Amino acid sequence: MSDALWQNQLQRGLVAMDLNLSGGQQQQLLAFLALLNKWNRAYNLTAVREPAAMVSRQLLDSLSLRPFVTAQRLLDVGAGGGLPGVPLAIACPERHFTLLDSNIKKTRFLTQCKLELGLDNLDIIHGRAEACPPETRYHQISSRAFTALANLVDWCGHLLADGGEFLAMKGQFPDDEVAALPAPWQVREQHALVVPECSGERHLLILDRSH
């Protein structure tokens, strides 16, 4: 798939999502996608390998979270190939993003993305969430198809600041996972996400501690 087709697909998607990104930001997004496509051959960073699906299922899907990002510092757990963390860092240069993953090949790729794309608002941590000391706590923690909700709050709850929230991206609405959430955790909000040219359901669940 040519760069021009990717660029046209991205521009259509941004218009449909009412996201206003500069030409420079769009070029950064496409450069990230090219890196992801290149490294995916050796590192198995993502299951999406069809070039025609990469803009919608990787870039636009990640950017669907942007309207909900309100914290100055956000942690993305199970960052994998940098989704949604890298696209969000490109789209929100005024905010700071920390990407955490336990797979050293993936964090090596993320470090390369930070360097090549010049993302000064991005930090990479190699490690397991449950082993991270809570010296820095975050008002928002995002995850994209990382693990079940009960595991998410169990492994990462100590990294969430008082009054903070999880932004959990899911496909179909996970009724069983919601039912299995331990107290005091609750789903405070749920949103159906619309991603242009992306088939299948997408949901965002916002979790916090009940008071």
N, C-alpha and C. Protein backbone atom coordinates (compact mmCIF):
# COMPACT_ATOMS: atom_id res chain seq x y z
N MET A 1 0.86 -1.20 0.00
CA MET A 1 0.00 0.00 0.00
C MET A 1 0.89 1.24 0.00
N SER A 2 0.60 2.18 -0.86
CA SER A 2 1.47 3.34 -1.01
C SER A 2 1.27 4.33 0.13
N ASP A 3 2.29 5.17 0.32
CA ASP A 3 2.21 6.21 1.34
C ASP A 3 1.04 7.16 1.06
N ALA A 4 0.80 7.43 -0.22
CA ALA A 4 -0.28 8.36 -0.58
C ALA A 4 -1.64 7.79 -0.18
N LEU A 5 -1.84 6.50 -0.36
CA LEU A 5 -3.10 5.88 0.04
C LEU A 5 -3.27 5.91 1.55
N TRP A 6 -2.19 5.61 2.28
CA TRP A 6 -2.24 5.71 3.75
C TRP A 6 -2.59 7.13 4.17
N GLN A 7 -1.96 8.10 3.53
CA GLN A 7 -2.19 9.50 3.89
C GLN A 7 -3.63 9.91 3.62
N ASN A 8 -4.17 9.51 2.47
CA ASN A 8 -5.57 9.83 2.16
C ASN A 8 -6.52 9.17 3.14
N GLN A 9 -6.23 7.93 3.50
CA GLN A 9 -7.08 7.20 4.44
C GLN A 9 -7.04 7.88 5.82
N LEU A 10 -5.85 8.31 6.23
CA LEU A 10 -5.73 8.99 7.52
C LEU A 10 -6.48 10.31 7.51
N GLN A 11 -6.34 11.08 6.44
CA GLN A 11 -7.02 12.38 6.37
C GLN A 11 -8.54 12.21 6.39
N ARG A 12 -9.05 11.21 5.67
CA ARG A 12 -10.50 10.94 5.69
C ARG A 12 -10.96 10.59 7.11
N GLY A 13 -10.19 9.76 7.77
CA GLY A 13 -10.56 9.33 9.11
C GLY A 13 -10.54 10.48 10.10
N LEU A 14 -9.54 11.34 10.02
CA LEU A 14 -9.46 12.48 10.94
C LEU A 14 -10.63 13.42 10.75
N VAL A 15 -11.03 13.65 9.50
CA VAL A 15 -12.19 14.50 9.23
C VAL A 15 -13.44 13.87 9.82
N ALA A 16 -13.62 12.57 9.60
CA ALA A 16 -14.81 11.88 10.11
C ALA A 16 -14.87 11.91 11.64
N MET A 17 -13.69 11.89 12.29
CA MET A 17 -13.64 11.89 13.75
C MET A 17 -13.55 13.30 14.33
N ASP A 18 -13.54 14.31 13.45
CA ASP A 18 -13.46 15.71 13.87
C ASP A 18 -12.20 15.96 14.69
N LEU A 19 -11.09 15.37 14.24
CA LEU A 19 -9.80 15.57 14.89
C LEU A 19 -8.94 16.46 14.00
N ASN A 20 -8.47 17.54 14.56
CA ASN A 20 -7.68 18.51 13.79
C ASN A 20 -6.20 18.34 14.16
N LEU A 21 -5.45 17.66 13.30
CA LEU A 21 -4.02 17.47 13.52
C LEU A 21 -3.25 18.17 12.41
N SER A 22 -2.09 18.73 12.76
CA SER A 22 -1.28 19.46 11.78
C SER A 22 -0.70 18.49 10.75
N GLY A 23 -0.19 19.05 9.67
CA GLY A 23 0.47 18.23 8.66
C GLY A 23 1.66 17.49 9.25
N GLY A 24 2.39 18.17 10.14
CA GLY A 24 3.54 17.53 10.79
C GLY A 24 3.13 16.35 11.65
N GLN A 25 2.04 16.50 12.39
CA GLN A 25 1.54 15.40 13.22
C GLN A 25 1.09 14.22 12.35
N GLN A 26 0.43 14.53 11.24
CA GLN A 26 0.00 13.45 10.35
C GLN A 26 1.20 12.71 9.78
N GLN A 27 2.26 13.44 9.44
CA GLN A 27 3.46 12.78 8.93
C GLN A 27 4.11 11.92 10.00
N GLN A 28 4.09 12.37 11.25
CA GLN A 28 4.61 11.56 12.35
C GLN A 28 3.81 10.27 12.51
N LEU A 29 2.50 10.37 12.41
CA LEU A 29 1.66 9.19 12.52
C LEU A 29 1.98 8.18 11.43
N LEU A 30 2.15 8.67 10.20
CA LEU A 30 2.45 7.78 9.08
C LEU A 30 3.85 7.20 9.20
N ALA A 31 4.79 7.98 9.76
CA ALA A 31 6.14 7.47 9.99
C ALA A 31 6.12 6.38 11.06
N PHE A 32 5.29 6.57 12.08
CA PHE A 32 5.13 5.52 13.11
C PHE A 32 4.56 4.25 12.50
N LEU A 33 3.56 4.42 11.64
CA LEU A 33 2.94 3.25 11.01
C LEU A 33 3.95 2.50 10.15
N ALA A 34 4.80 3.22 9.45
CA ALA A 34 5.84 2.59 8.63
C ALA A 34 6.83 1.82 9.50
N LEU A 35 7.20 2.40 10.65
CA LEU A 35 8.08 1.70 11.59
C LEU A 35 7.42 0.44 12.12
N LEU A 36 6.15 0.56 12.48
CA LEU A 36 5.42 -0.59 13.02
C LEU A 36 5.34 -1.71 11.98
N ASN A 37 5.07 -1.34 10.75
CA ASN A 37 4.98 -2.31 9.67
C ASN A 37 6.32 -3.00 9.43
N LYS A 38 7.38 -2.23 9.49
CA LYS A 38 8.73 -2.77 9.27
C LYS A 38 9.16 -3.72 10.40
N TRP A 39 9.01 -3.27 11.62
CA TRP A 39 9.46 -4.07 12.77
C TRP A 39 8.54 -5.26 13.03
N ASN A 40 7.30 -5.17 12.58
CA ASN A 40 6.34 -6.25 12.84
C ASN A 40 6.77 -7.57 12.19
N ARG A 41 7.52 -7.47 11.10
CA ARG A 41 7.94 -8.69 10.40
C ARG A 41 8.83 -9.55 11.27
N ALA A 42 9.62 -8.93 12.11
CA ALA A 42 10.56 -9.68 12.95
C ALA A 42 10.10 -9.80 14.40
N TYR A 43 9.34 -8.81 14.87
CA TYR A 43 9.05 -8.72 16.30
C TYR A 43 7.62 -9.11 16.67
N ASN A 44 6.75 -9.34 15.70
CA ASN A 44 5.37 -9.73 15.99
C ASN A 44 4.71 -8.75 16.96
N LEU A 45 4.70 -7.49 16.60
CA LEU A 45 4.19 -6.43 17.47
C LEU A 45 2.67 -6.34 17.47
N THR A 46 2.05 -6.71 16.38
CA THR A 46 0.60 -6.59 16.26
C THR A 46 0.08 -7.66 15.31
N ALA A 47 -1.16 -8.06 15.53
CA ALA A 47 -1.76 -9.09 14.68
C ALA A 47 -2.25 -8.51 13.35
N VAL A 48 -2.35 -7.18 13.28
CA VAL A 48 -2.84 -6.54 12.05
C VAL A 48 -1.68 -6.45 11.06
N ARG A 49 -1.76 -7.20 9.99
CA ARG A 49 -0.68 -7.23 9.01
C ARG A 49 -1.11 -6.77 7.61
N GLU A 50 -2.40 -6.60 7.42
CA GLU A 50 -2.91 -6.15 6.13
C GLU A 50 -2.74 -4.63 6.04
N PRO A 51 -1.90 -4.12 5.12
CA PRO A 51 -1.64 -2.68 5.06
C PRO A 51 -2.89 -1.83 4.96
N ALA A 52 -3.90 -2.30 4.24
CA ALA A 52 -5.11 -1.50 4.06
C ALA A 52 -5.87 -1.31 5.37
N ALA A 53 -5.63 -2.18 6.36
CA ALA A 53 -6.36 -2.10 7.64
C ALA A 53 -5.58 -1.35 8.70
N MET A 54 -4.31 -1.02 8.43
CA MET A 54 -3.45 -0.51 9.49
C MET A 54 -3.84 0.91 9.94
N VAL A 55 -4.23 1.76 9.01
CA VAL A 55 -4.60 3.13 9.40
C VAL A 55 -5.81 3.11 10.33
N SER A 56 -6.84 2.37 9.94
CA SER A 56 -8.07 2.38 10.73
C SER A 56 -7.91 1.61 12.04
N ARG A 57 -7.34 0.42 11.98
CA ARG A 57 -7.31 -0.44 13.16
C ARG A 57 -6.18 -0.10 14.13
N GLN A 58 -5.23 0.70 13.69
CA GLN A 58 -4.13 1.06 14.58
C GLN A 58 -4.12 2.56 14.89
N LEU A 59 -4.02 3.39 13.86
CA LEU A 59 -3.96 4.82 14.12
C LEU A 59 -5.31 5.39 14.58
N LEU A 60 -6.34 5.21 13.78
CA LEU A 60 -7.63 5.82 14.10
C LEU A 60 -8.24 5.21 15.35
N ASP A 61 -8.09 3.90 15.52
CA ASP A 61 -8.59 3.25 16.72
C ASP A 61 -7.93 3.85 17.96
N SER A 62 -6.62 4.05 17.91
CA SER A 62 -5.91 4.65 19.04
C SER A 62 -6.38 6.08 19.28
N LEU A 63 -6.55 6.84 18.21
CA LEU A 63 -6.93 8.24 18.33
C LEU A 63 -8.37 8.42 18.81
N SER A 64 -9.19 7.36 18.74
CA SER A 64 -10.56 7.46 19.26
C SER A 64 -10.57 7.72 20.77
N LEU A 65 -9.43 7.47 21.43
CA LEU A 65 -9.33 7.71 22.87
C LEU A 65 -9.01 9.17 23.18
N ARG A 66 -8.56 9.92 22.19
CA ARG A 66 -8.07 11.28 22.45
C ARG A 66 -9.07 12.17 23.18
N PRO A 67 -10.37 12.18 22.84
CA PRO A 67 -11.28 13.08 23.55
C PRO A 67 -11.41 12.79 25.04
N PHE A 68 -10.97 11.62 25.46
CA PHE A 68 -11.11 11.23 26.87
C PHE A 68 -9.82 11.42 27.67
N VAL A 69 -8.75 11.81 26.99
CA VAL A 69 -7.47 12.03 27.66
C VAL A 69 -7.47 13.43 28.25
N THR A 70 -7.50 13.51 29.58
CA THR A 70 -7.57 14.80 30.27
C THR A 70 -6.40 15.02 31.22
N ALA A 71 -5.69 13.96 31.59
CA ALA A 71 -4.60 14.07 32.56
C ALA A 71 -3.35 14.64 31.90
N GLN A 72 -2.55 15.31 32.69
CA GLN A 72 -1.29 15.83 32.17
C GLN A 72 -0.29 14.71 31.94
N ARG A 73 -0.39 13.65 32.78
CA ARG A 73 0.50 12.50 32.66
C ARG A 73 -0.36 11.24 32.62
N LEU A 74 -0.16 10.41 31.61
CA LEU A 74 -0.95 9.20 31.44
C LEU A 74 -0.01 8.00 31.30
N LEU A 75 -0.39 6.89 31.92
CA LEU A 75 0.35 5.63 31.80
C LEU A 75 -0.43 4.69 30.90
N ASP A 76 0.26 4.11 29.90
CA ASP A 76 -0.35 3.11 29.02
C ASP A 76 0.28 1.76 29.35
N VAL A 77 -0.53 0.83 29.88
CA VAL A 77 0.00 -0.47 30.31
C VAL A 77 -0.23 -1.52 29.23
N GLY A 78 0.70 -2.48 29.17
CA GLY A 78 0.64 -3.46 28.09
C GLY A 78 0.75 -2.77 26.76
N ALA A 79 1.72 -1.84 26.67
CA ALA A 79 1.78 -0.92 25.52
C ALA A 79 2.04 -1.63 24.20
N GLY A 80 2.70 -2.81 24.25
CA GLY A 80 2.90 -3.60 23.04
C GLY A 80 3.60 -2.84 21.93
N GLY A 81 2.92 -2.72 20.80
CA GLY A 81 3.48 -2.00 19.66
C GLY A 81 3.25 -0.50 19.70
N GLY A 82 2.87 0.01 20.88
CA GLY A 82 2.70 1.46 21.02
C GLY A 82 1.30 1.96 20.76
N LEU A 83 0.33 1.08 20.87
CA LEU A 83 -1.06 1.45 20.61
C LEU A 83 -1.88 1.34 21.90
N PRO A 84 -2.49 2.41 22.36
CA PRO A 84 -2.69 3.71 21.70
C PRO A 84 -1.64 4.77 22.04
N GLY A 85 -0.62 4.41 22.85
CA GLY A 85 0.26 5.40 23.43
C GLY A 85 0.99 6.30 22.45
N VAL A 86 1.60 5.71 21.40
CA VAL A 86 2.39 6.54 20.48
C VAL A 86 1.50 7.49 19.68
N PRO A 87 0.40 7.03 19.05
CA PRO A 87 -0.46 7.98 18.36
C PRO A 87 -0.99 9.08 19.27
N LEU A 88 -1.31 8.75 20.53
CA LEU A 88 -1.80 9.77 21.45
C LEU A 88 -0.70 10.78 21.80
N ALA A 89 0.54 10.30 21.96
CA ALA A 89 1.65 11.21 22.24
C ALA A 89 1.88 12.16 21.07
N ILE A 90 1.68 11.68 19.85
CA ILE A 90 1.81 12.54 18.68
C ILE A 90 0.67 13.56 18.63
N ALA A 91 -0.54 13.10 18.94
CA ALA A 91 -1.72 13.96 18.85
C ALA A 91 -1.83 14.94 20.01
N CYS A 92 -1.16 14.65 21.14
CA CYS A 92 -1.27 15.49 22.34
C CYS A 92 0.13 15.86 22.84
N PRO A 93 0.86 16.69 22.10
CA PRO A 93 2.24 17.00 22.47
C PRO A 93 2.36 17.74 23.80
N GLU A 94 1.26 18.32 24.27
CA GLU A 94 1.29 19.07 25.53
C GLU A 94 1.16 18.16 26.74
N ARG A 95 0.86 16.88 26.53
CA ARG A 95 0.72 15.91 27.63
C ARG A 95 1.87 14.91 27.59
N HIS A 96 2.07 14.22 28.72
CA HIS A 96 3.19 13.28 28.82
C HIS A 96 2.65 11.85 28.94
N PHE A 97 3.27 10.94 28.19
CA PHE A 97 2.81 9.56 28.15
C PHE A 97 3.95 8.62 28.55
N THR A 98 3.64 7.69 29.44
CA THR A 98 4.59 6.65 29.83
C THR A 98 4.04 5.32 29.35
N LEU A 99 4.85 4.58 28.57
CA LEU A 99 4.43 3.30 28.01
C LEU A 99 5.15 2.18 28.73
N LEU A 100 4.38 1.22 29.25
CA LEU A 100 4.92 0.13 30.06
C LEU A 100 4.63 -1.21 29.39
N ASP A 101 5.66 -2.03 29.24
CA ASP A 101 5.46 -3.38 28.70
C ASP A 101 6.54 -4.30 29.25
N SER A 102 6.19 -5.58 29.44
CA SER A 102 7.14 -6.54 30.01
C SER A 102 7.97 -7.25 28.96
N ASN A 103 7.64 -7.03 27.67
CA ASN A 103 8.36 -7.68 26.57
C ASN A 103 9.48 -6.77 26.09
N ILE A 104 10.72 -7.21 26.26
CA ILE A 104 11.86 -6.33 25.96
C ILE A 104 11.96 -6.00 24.47
N LYS A 105 11.52 -6.91 23.60
CA LYS A 105 11.53 -6.60 22.17
C LYS A 105 10.59 -5.45 21.86
N LYS A 106 9.45 -5.44 22.53
CA LYS A 106 8.48 -4.37 22.29
C LYS A 106 8.95 -3.04 22.86
N THR A 107 9.57 -3.07 24.04
CA THR A 107 10.07 -1.81 24.58
C THR A 107 11.26 -1.29 23.78
N ARG A 108 12.02 -2.19 23.18
CA ARG A 108 13.11 -1.78 22.30
C ARG A 108 12.54 -1.05 21.08
N PHE A 109 11.47 -1.59 20.53
CA PHE A 109 10.80 -0.94 19.40
C PHE A 109 10.25 0.42 19.81
N LEU A 110 9.63 0.50 20.98
CA LEU A 110 9.06 1.76 21.44
C LEU A 110 10.15 2.82 21.66
N THR A 111 11.29 2.40 22.17
CA THR A 111 12.40 3.32 22.36
C THR A 111 12.88 3.85 21.01
N GLN A 112 12.90 2.97 20.00
CA GLN A 112 13.29 3.40 18.65
C GLN A 112 12.29 4.42 18.09
N CYS A 113 10.99 4.18 18.36
CA CYS A 113 9.96 5.13 17.92
C CYS A 113 10.17 6.50 18.56
N LYS A 114 10.44 6.51 19.86
CA LYS A 114 10.68 7.77 20.57
C LYS A 114 11.82 8.55 19.92
N LEU A 115 12.90 7.82 19.60
CA LEU A 115 14.08 8.47 19.02
C LEU A 115 13.81 8.96 17.60
N GLU A 116 13.29 8.07 16.76
CA GLU A 116 13.11 8.42 15.34
C GLU A 116 12.04 9.47 15.12
N LEU A 117 11.01 9.46 15.97
CA LEU A 117 9.91 10.40 15.79
C LEU A 117 10.10 11.67 16.61
N GLY A 118 11.15 11.71 17.44
CA GLY A 118 11.42 12.91 18.23
C GLY A 118 10.35 13.20 19.26
N LEU A 119 9.87 12.16 19.95
CA LEU A 119 8.77 12.32 20.91
C LEU A 119 9.33 12.55 22.31
N ASP A 120 9.56 13.82 22.65
CA ASP A 120 10.11 14.15 23.96
C ASP A 120 9.09 13.95 25.09
N ASN A 121 7.81 13.84 24.74
CA ASN A 121 6.77 13.65 25.75
C ASN A 121 6.44 12.17 25.97
N LEU A 122 7.39 11.30 25.64
CA LEU A 122 7.17 9.86 25.74
C LEU A 122 8.28 9.23 26.57
N ASP A 123 7.90 8.40 27.54
CA ASP A 123 8.85 7.60 28.31
C ASP A 123 8.51 6.12 28.15
N ILE A 124 9.51 5.28 28.16
CA ILE A 124 9.32 3.84 27.99
C ILE A 124 9.83 3.13 29.25
N ILE A 125 9.05 2.21 29.78
CA ILE A 125 9.46 1.41 30.93
C ILE A 125 9.33 -0.07 30.56
N HIS A 126 10.42 -0.81 30.75
CA HIS A 126 10.37 -2.27 30.58
C HIS A 126 10.15 -2.89 31.94
N GLY A 127 9.03 -3.60 32.10
CA GLY A 127 8.74 -4.24 33.37
C GLY A 127 7.29 -4.67 33.45
N ARG A 128 6.96 -5.31 34.56
CA ARG A 128 5.59 -5.75 34.81
C ARG A 128 4.90 -4.71 35.69
N ALA A 129 3.65 -4.42 35.39
CA ALA A 129 2.94 -3.38 36.12
C ALA A 129 2.90 -3.67 37.61
N GLU A 130 2.64 -4.92 37.97
CA GLU A 130 2.48 -5.25 39.38
C GLU A 130 3.79 -5.12 40.16
N ALA A 131 4.92 -5.11 39.43
CA ALA A 131 6.23 -4.98 40.09
C ALA A 131 6.72 -3.53 40.12
N CYS A 132 6.00 -2.61 39.49
CA CYS A 132 6.44 -1.21 39.46
C CYS A 132 6.14 -0.54 40.79
N PRO A 133 7.13 0.11 41.38
CA PRO A 133 6.88 0.83 42.64
C PRO A 133 5.99 2.03 42.39
N PRO A 134 5.08 2.32 43.32
CA PRO A 134 4.12 3.42 43.11
C PRO A 134 4.70 4.79 43.46
N GLU A 135 5.96 5.03 43.08
CA GLU A 135 6.57 6.33 43.36
C GLU A 135 5.90 7.42 42.54
N THR A 136 5.59 7.08 41.28
CA THR A 136 4.83 7.99 40.43
C THR A 136 3.46 7.37 40.19
N ARG A 137 2.44 8.13 40.54
CA ARG A 137 1.09 7.63 40.30
C ARG A 137 0.41 8.53 39.27
N TYR A 138 -0.50 7.95 38.53
CA TYR A 138 -1.07 8.61 37.36
C TYR A 138 -2.57 8.82 37.54
N HIS A 139 -3.05 9.94 37.02
CA HIS A 139 -4.48 10.23 37.11
C HIS A 139 -5.28 9.47 36.05
N GLN A 140 -4.60 9.02 35.00
CA GLN A 140 -5.25 8.16 34.00
C GLN A 140 -4.29 7.04 33.61
N ILE A 141 -4.83 5.83 33.51
CA ILE A 141 -4.08 4.67 33.03
C ILE A 141 -4.90 4.04 31.91
N SER A 142 -4.30 3.93 30.73
CA SER A 142 -5.01 3.35 29.59
C SER A 142 -4.54 1.93 29.33
N SER A 143 -5.42 1.16 28.71
CA SER A 143 -5.06 -0.19 28.25
C SER A 143 -5.90 -0.50 27.02
N ARG A 144 -5.29 -1.22 26.10
CA ARG A 144 -5.99 -1.58 24.85
C ARG A 144 -5.84 -3.09 24.67
N ALA A 145 -6.94 -3.81 24.91
CA ALA A 145 -6.94 -5.28 24.75
C ALA A 145 -5.77 -5.91 25.51
N PHE A 146 -5.53 -5.42 26.74
CA PHE A 146 -4.38 -5.85 27.52
C PHE A 146 -4.70 -7.10 28.34
N THR A 147 -5.75 -7.03 29.14
CA THR A 147 -6.10 -8.13 30.02
C THR A 147 -7.52 -7.92 30.52
N ALA A 148 -8.05 -8.88 31.27
CA ALA A 148 -9.39 -8.73 31.84
C ALA A 148 -9.41 -7.57 32.83
N LEU A 149 -10.58 -6.96 33.00
CA LEU A 149 -10.70 -5.78 33.85
C LEU A 149 -10.26 -6.06 35.28
N ALA A 150 -10.61 -7.25 35.81
CA ALA A 150 -10.22 -7.58 37.18
C ALA A 150 -8.70 -7.63 37.32
N ASN A 151 -8.03 -8.16 36.31
CA ASN A 151 -6.56 -8.18 36.34
C ASN A 151 -6.00 -6.77 36.23
N LEU A 152 -6.62 -5.96 35.40
CA LEU A 152 -6.15 -4.59 35.20
C LEU A 152 -6.12 -3.82 36.52
N VAL A 153 -7.21 -3.87 37.26
CA VAL A 153 -7.26 -3.10 38.51
C VAL A 153 -6.38 -3.75 39.58
N ASP A 154 -6.24 -5.08 39.53
CA ASP A 154 -5.39 -5.78 40.50
C ASP A 154 -3.92 -5.46 40.28
N TRP A 155 -3.49 -5.53 39.03
CA TRP A 155 -2.08 -5.34 38.70
C TRP A 155 -1.67 -3.87 38.73
N CYS A 156 -2.58 -2.98 38.41
CA CYS A 156 -2.20 -1.58 38.17
C CYS A 156 -2.85 -0.59 39.14
N GLY A 157 -3.72 -1.07 40.02
CA GLY A 157 -4.43 -0.16 40.92
C GLY A 157 -3.52 0.69 41.78
N HIS A 158 -2.36 0.12 42.17
CA HIS A 158 -1.43 0.87 43.04
C HIS A 158 -0.74 2.00 42.29
N LEU A 159 -0.83 2.00 40.97
CA LEU A 159 -0.20 3.05 40.16
C LEU A 159 -1.18 4.19 39.83
N LEU A 160 -2.42 4.04 40.28
CA LEU A 160 -3.44 5.05 39.98
C LEU A 160 -3.53 6.05 41.13
N ALA A 161 -3.49 7.33 40.80
CA ALA A 161 -3.58 8.38 41.82
C ALA A 161 -4.97 8.39 42.44
N ASP A 162 -5.07 8.98 43.61
CA ASP A 162 -6.38 9.16 44.25
C ASP A 162 -7.28 9.96 43.32
N GLY A 163 -8.47 9.45 43.11
CA GLY A 163 -9.40 10.11 42.21
C GLY A 163 -9.12 9.84 40.74
N GLY A 164 -8.16 8.95 40.46
CA GLY A 164 -7.81 8.64 39.07
C GLY A 164 -8.75 7.64 38.43
N GLU A 165 -8.51 7.36 37.15
CA GLU A 165 -9.41 6.47 36.42
C GLU A 165 -8.64 5.64 35.39
N PHE A 166 -9.18 4.46 35.13
CA PHE A 166 -8.68 3.61 34.05
C PHE A 166 -9.48 3.89 32.79
N LEU A 167 -8.78 3.90 31.65
CA LEU A 167 -9.42 3.99 30.34
C LEU A 167 -9.17 2.66 29.64
N ALA A 168 -10.13 1.76 29.70
CA ALA A 168 -9.97 0.41 29.18
C ALA A 168 -10.66 0.28 27.83
N MET A 169 -9.86 0.06 26.78
CA MET A 169 -10.41 -0.09 25.43
C MET A 169 -10.69 -1.58 25.17
N LYS A 170 -11.90 -1.85 24.72
CA LYS A 170 -12.33 -3.23 24.47
C LYS A 170 -13.02 -3.31 23.11
N GLY A 171 -13.21 -4.52 22.63
CA GLY A 171 -13.99 -4.75 21.42
C GLY A 171 -15.47 -4.81 21.80
N GLN A 172 -16.01 -6.01 21.83
CA GLN A 172 -17.39 -6.16 22.29
C GLN A 172 -17.49 -5.80 23.77
N PHE A 173 -18.66 -5.36 24.19
CA PHE A 173 -18.82 -4.97 25.59
C PHE A 173 -18.62 -6.20 26.48
N PRO A 174 -17.68 -6.12 27.45
CA PRO A 174 -17.30 -7.31 28.23
C PRO A 174 -18.16 -7.49 29.49
N ASP A 175 -19.38 -7.93 29.30
CA ASP A 175 -20.31 -8.07 30.44
C ASP A 175 -19.73 -8.94 31.55
N ASP A 176 -19.13 -10.07 31.18
CA ASP A 176 -18.58 -10.98 32.19
C ASP A 176 -17.46 -10.31 32.99
N GLU A 177 -16.62 -9.55 32.30
CA GLU A 177 -15.51 -8.87 32.99
C GLU A 177 -16.04 -7.80 33.95
N VAL A 178 -17.06 -7.08 33.53
CA VAL A 178 -17.65 -6.06 34.40
C VAL A 178 -18.24 -6.70 35.65
N ALA A 179 -18.93 -7.83 35.46
CA ALA A 179 -19.53 -8.54 36.59
C ALA A 179 -18.48 -9.06 37.56
N ALA A 180 -17.28 -9.33 37.06
CA ALA A 180 -16.22 -9.91 37.89
C ALA A 180 -15.35 -8.85 38.57
N LEU A 181 -15.64 -7.57 38.36
CA LEU A 181 -14.83 -6.52 38.98
C LEU A 181 -14.96 -6.58 40.50
N PRO A 182 -13.85 -6.57 41.22
CA PRO A 182 -13.93 -6.59 42.69
C PRO A 182 -14.22 -5.19 43.24
N ALA A 183 -14.84 -5.15 44.41
CA ALA A 183 -15.03 -3.88 45.10
C ALA A 183 -13.66 -3.34 45.51
N PRO A 184 -13.47 -2.02 45.50
CA PRO A 184 -14.45 -0.95 45.28
C PRO A 184 -14.50 -0.46 43.84
N TRP A 185 -14.02 -1.26 42.88
CA TRP A 185 -13.93 -0.81 41.50
C TRP A 185 -15.29 -0.85 40.82
N GLN A 186 -15.52 0.11 39.94
CA GLN A 186 -16.79 0.19 39.21
C GLN A 186 -16.55 0.79 37.83
N VAL A 187 -17.48 0.48 36.92
CA VAL A 187 -17.49 1.15 35.61
C VAL A 187 -18.31 2.42 35.77
N ARG A 188 -17.62 3.56 35.74
CA ARG A 188 -18.31 4.83 35.93
C ARG A 188 -18.98 5.31 34.65
N GLU A 189 -18.30 5.04 33.51
CA GLU A 189 -18.85 5.44 32.20
C GLU A 189 -18.53 4.37 31.18
N GLN A 190 -19.36 4.28 30.17
CA GLN A 190 -19.08 3.41 29.03
C GLN A 190 -19.44 4.15 27.75
N HIS A 191 -18.60 4.00 26.74
CA HIS A 191 -18.80 4.71 25.49
C HIS A 191 -18.58 3.76 24.32
N ALA A 192 -19.49 3.79 23.36
CA ALA A 192 -19.27 3.08 22.10
C ALA A 192 -18.40 3.98 21.23
N LEU A 193 -17.27 3.46 20.78
CA LEU A 193 -16.34 4.23 19.97
C LEU A 193 -16.60 3.96 18.48
N VAL A 194 -16.62 5.02 17.70
CA VAL A 194 -16.82 4.90 16.26
C VAL A 194 -15.49 5.16 15.58
N VAL A 195 -14.97 4.13 14.91
CA VAL A 195 -13.68 4.24 14.23
C VAL A 195 -13.92 4.09 12.73
N PRO A 196 -13.65 5.13 11.93
CA PRO A 196 -13.92 5.05 10.50
C PRO A 196 -13.21 3.87 9.83
N GLU A 197 -13.93 3.19 8.94
CA GLU A 197 -13.41 2.08 8.14
C GLU A 197 -12.93 0.91 8.99
N CYS A 198 -13.46 0.82 10.21
CA CYS A 198 -13.08 -0.28 11.10
C CYS A 198 -14.34 -1.05 11.48
N SER A 199 -14.42 -2.30 11.04
CA SER A 199 -15.59 -3.11 11.34
C SER A 199 -15.48 -3.68 12.75
N GLY A 200 -16.59 -4.09 13.30
CA GLY A 200 -16.60 -4.65 14.64
C GLY A 200 -16.86 -3.59 15.70
N GLU A 201 -17.30 -4.04 16.86
CA GLU A 201 -17.62 -3.13 17.95
C GLU A 201 -16.35 -2.66 18.64
N ARG A 202 -16.41 -1.42 19.12
CA ARG A 202 -15.32 -0.86 19.94
C ARG A 202 -15.94 -0.14 21.12
N HIS A 203 -15.43 -0.40 22.29
CA HIS A 203 -15.97 0.24 23.50
C HIS A 203 -14.84 0.79 24.37
N LEU A 204 -15.17 1.85 25.08
CA LEU A 204 -14.29 2.38 26.12
C LEU A 204 -15.03 2.29 27.45
N LEU A 205 -14.37 1.69 28.42
CA LEU A 205 -14.92 1.62 29.77
C LEU A 205 -14.03 2.46 30.68
N ILE A 206 -14.63 3.38 31.41
CA ILE A 206 -13.91 4.23 32.36
C ILE A 206 -14.18 3.71 33.76
N LEU A 207 -13.14 3.25 34.43
CA LEU A 207 -13.25 2.62 35.73
C LEU A 207 -12.63 3.51 36.81
N ASP A 208 -13.27 3.53 37.99
CA ASP A 208 -12.65 4.19 39.13
C ASP A 208 -13.09 3.48 40.41
N ARG A 209 -12.58 3.97 41.52
CA ARG A 209 -12.95 3.41 42.82
C ARG A 209 -14.22 4.09 43.31
N SER A 210 -15.19 3.32 43.72
CA SER A 210 -16.42 3.90 44.25
C SER A 210 -16.15 4.47 45.65
N HIS A 211 -16.89 5.48 46.00
CA HIS A 211 -16.67 6.14 47.30
C HIS A 211 -17.88 5.97 48.19
